[in-house]
Amino acid sequence: RSDNFQAFMTQLGMPEERLQLYDIKKWHVAVSYNKQTETWSMNIAASVPKNSLVFKLGQPFKETSLDAQECTSTITASPESNTTWNYRQTCGERV
């Protein structure tokens, strides 16, 4: 559970405008790691249609953004800290 979800998502690179689309006080985030497949899973309990995100660090993946755009995203570990992630997202048209 994240006590400060807005700060967490801002650190991942989520723009403030997108965070305001939802009531973030109701969100809870759980992150887990599967060592065998080197796959991370981020589960979000919220009122959004898709609440699960599975990814490998450094590998691009497809997702739909909070404002309904098709995107390609990449999450990497920060060189300064293995507990900090960098989130890069490139989006196209709205779905």
C-alpha atoms as a PDB file:
ATOM      1  CA  ARG A   1       0.000   0.000   0.000  1.00  0.00           C
ATOM      2  CA  SER A   2       1.279   3.448  -0.853  1.00  0.00           C
ATOM      3  CA  ASP A   3       0.558   6.185   1.674  1.00  0.00           C
ATOM      4  CA  ASN A   4       1.653   8.839  -0.802  1.00  0.00           C
ATOM      5  CA  PHE A   5       0.511   7.572  -4.190  1.00  0.00           C
ATOM      6  CA  GLN A   6       0.728  10.972  -5.865  1.00  0.00           C
ATOM      7  CA  ALA A   7       4.420  11.370  -4.965  1.00  0.00           C
ATOM      8  CA  PHE A   8       5.080   7.792  -6.120  1.00  0.00           C
ATOM      9  CA  MET A   9       3.420   8.315  -9.520  1.00  0.00           C
ATOM     10  CA  THR A  10       5.082  11.715  -9.943  1.00  0.00           C
ATOM     11  CA  GLN A  11       8.460  10.065  -9.354  1.00  0.00           C
ATOM     12  CA  LEU A  12       7.597   7.542 -12.088  1.00  0.00           C
ATOM     13  CA  GLY A  13       6.947  10.484 -14.408  1.00  0.00           C
ATOM     14  CA  MET A  14       3.150  10.683 -14.367  1.00  0.00           C
ATOM     15  CA  PRO A  15       2.090  14.283 -15.133  1.00  0.00           C
ATOM     16  CA  GLU A  16       0.094  16.089 -12.451  1.00  0.00           C
ATOM     17  CA  GLU A  17      -2.823  16.647 -14.868  1.00  0.00           C
ATOM     18  CA  ARG A  18      -3.326  12.893 -15.312  1.00  0.00           C
ATOM     19  CA  LEU A  19      -3.216  12.250 -11.580  1.00  0.00           C
ATOM     20  CA  GLN A  20      -6.048  14.723 -11.091  1.00  0.00           C
ATOM     21  CA  LEU A  21      -8.327  12.673 -13.369  1.00  0.00           C
ATOM     22  CA  TYR A  22      -8.895  10.192 -10.546  1.00  0.00           C
ATOM     23  CA  ASP A  23      -9.384  10.297  -6.802  1.00  0.00           C
ATOM     24  CA  ILE A  24      -5.903   9.128  -5.871  1.00  0.00           C
ATOM     25  CA  LYS A  25      -6.767   8.835  -2.170  1.00  0.00           C
ATOM     26  CA  LYS A  26      -8.546   5.571  -2.983  1.00  0.00           C
ATOM     27  CA  TRP A  27      -5.554   4.001  -4.736  1.00  0.00           C
ATOM     28  CA  HIS A  28      -3.359   1.296  -3.272  1.00  0.00           C
ATOM     29  CA  VAL A  29      -0.257  -0.001  -5.060  1.00  0.00           C
ATOM     30  CA  ALA A  30       1.398  -3.391  -4.583  1.00  0.00           C
ATOM     31  CA  VAL A  31       4.625  -4.183  -6.434  1.00  0.00           C
ATOM     32  CA  SER A  32       6.051  -7.701  -6.687  1.00  0.00           C
ATOM     33  CA  TYR A  33       8.966  -9.315  -8.512  1.00  0.00           C
ATOM     34  CA  ASN A  34       9.198 -12.786 -10.095  1.00  0.00           C
ATOM     35  CA  LYS A  35      12.880 -13.735  -9.919  1.00  0.00           C
ATOM     36  CA  GLN A  36      12.580 -16.631 -12.389  1.00  0.00           C
ATOM     37  CA  THR A  37      11.197 -14.483 -15.205  1.00  0.00           C
ATOM     38  CA  GLU A  38      12.730 -11.187 -14.008  1.00  0.00           C
ATOM     39  CA  THR A  39       9.254  -9.695 -14.346  1.00  0.00           C
ATOM     40  CA  TRP A  40       7.824  -6.970 -12.145  1.00  0.00           C
ATOM     41  CA  SER A  41       4.105  -6.705 -11.497  1.00  0.00           C
ATOM     42  CA  MET A  42       2.411  -3.537 -10.296  1.00  0.00           C
ATOM     43  CA  ASN A  43      -1.181  -3.969  -9.129  1.00  0.00           C
ATOM     44  CA  ILE A  44      -3.271  -0.889  -8.537  1.00  0.00           C
ATOM     45  CA  ALA A  45      -6.536  -1.000  -6.605  1.00  0.00           C
ATOM     46  CA  ALA A  46      -8.504   1.887  -8.080  1.00  0.00           C
ATOM     47  CA  SER A  47     -11.514   2.794 -10.147  1.00  0.00           C
ATOM     48  CA  VAL A  48      -9.672   2.487 -13.468  1.00  0.00           C
ATOM     49  CA  PRO A  49     -10.423  -0.217 -16.066  1.00  0.00           C
ATOM     50  CA  LYS A  50      -6.944  -1.744 -16.178  1.00  0.00           C
ATOM     51  CA  ASN A  51      -5.390  -2.145 -12.771  1.00  0.00           C
ATOM     52  CA  SER A  52      -2.433  -4.443 -13.403  1.00  0.00           C
ATOM     53  CA  LEU A  53       0.869  -3.692 -15.106  1.00  0.00           C
ATOM     54  CA  VAL A  54       3.471  -6.382 -15.828  1.00  0.00           C
ATOM     55  CA  PHE A  55       6.895  -5.367 -17.131  1.00  0.00           C
ATOM     56  CA  LYS A  56      10.608  -6.168 -17.283  1.00  0.00           C
ATOM     57  CA  LEU A  57      13.052  -3.424 -16.381  1.00  0.00           C
ATOM     58  CA  GLY A  58      14.521  -1.841 -19.501  1.00  0.00           C
ATOM     59  CA  GLN A  59      12.126  -3.524 -21.960  1.00  0.00           C
ATOM     60  CA  PRO A  60       9.402  -1.500 -23.732  1.00  0.00           C
ATOM     61  CA  PHE A  61       5.792  -2.597 -23.222  1.00  0.00           C
ATOM     62  CA  LYS A  62       2.404  -1.475 -24.566  1.00  0.00           C
ATOM     63  CA  GLU A  63      -0.203   0.085 -22.289  1.00  0.00           C
ATOM     64  CA  THR A  64      -3.123   2.489 -22.293  1.00  0.00           C
ATOM     65  CA  SER A  65      -2.497   5.689 -20.369  1.00  0.00           C
ATOM     66  CA  LEU A  66      -4.874   7.093 -17.738  1.00  0.00           C
ATOM     67  CA  ASP A  67      -6.205   9.521 -20.357  1.00  0.00           C
ATOM     68  CA  ALA A  68      -6.917   6.651 -22.828  1.00  0.00           C
ATOM     69  CA  GLN A  69      -3.958   6.940 -25.199  1.00  0.00           C
ATOM     70  CA  GLU A  70      -2.114   3.938 -26.646  1.00  0.00           C
ATOM     71  CA  CYS A  71       1.455   4.160 -25.353  1.00  0.00           C
ATOM     72  CA  THR A  72       4.815   2.455 -25.379  1.00  0.00           C
ATOM     73  CA  SER A  73       6.458   2.664 -21.967  1.00  0.00           C
ATOM     74  CA  THR A  74       9.795   1.663 -20.479  1.00  0.00           C
ATOM     75  CA  ILE A  75      10.702   1.437 -16.808  1.00  0.00           C
ATOM     76  CA  THR A  76      14.386   1.333 -15.860  1.00  0.00           C
ATOM     77  CA  ALA A  77      16.287   1.291 -12.587  1.00  0.00           C
ATOM     78  CA  SER A  78      17.918   4.579 -11.697  1.00  0.00           C
ATOM     79  CA  PRO A  79      21.744   4.469 -11.820  1.00  0.00           C
ATOM     80  CA  GLU A  80      21.831   6.387  -8.517  1.00  0.00           C
ATOM     81  CA  SER A  81      19.607   3.995  -6.566  1.00  0.00           C
ATOM     82  CA  ASN A  82      18.227   0.502  -7.114  1.00  0.00           C
ATOM     83  CA  THR A  83      15.067   1.520  -5.244  1.00  0.00           C
ATOM     84  CA  THR A  84      14.248   4.342  -7.689  1.00  0.00           C
ATOM     85  CA  TRP A  85      12.716   3.701 -11.106  1.00  0.00           C
ATOM     86  CA  ASN A  86      12.640   5.900 -14.187  1.00  0.00           C
ATOM     87  CA  TYR A  87       9.430   5.797 -16.238  1.00  0.00           C
ATOM     88  CA  ARG A  88       9.397   6.872 -19.901  1.00  0.00           C
ATOM     89  CA  GLN A  89       6.193   6.869 -21.938  1.00  0.00           C
ATOM     90  CA  THR A  90       5.531   7.723 -25.595  1.00  0.00           C
ATOM     91  CA  CYS A  91       1.870   7.998 -26.552  1.00  0.00           C
ATOM     92  CA  GLY A  92      -0.067   8.189 -29.792  1.00  0.00           C
ATOM     93  CA  GLU A  93      -3.771   8.567 -30.431  1.00  0.00           C
ATOM     94  CA  ARG A  94      -6.569   8.276 -27.895  1.00  0.00           C
ATOM     95  CA  VAL A  95      -8.545   5.016 -27.989  1.00  0.00           C
END
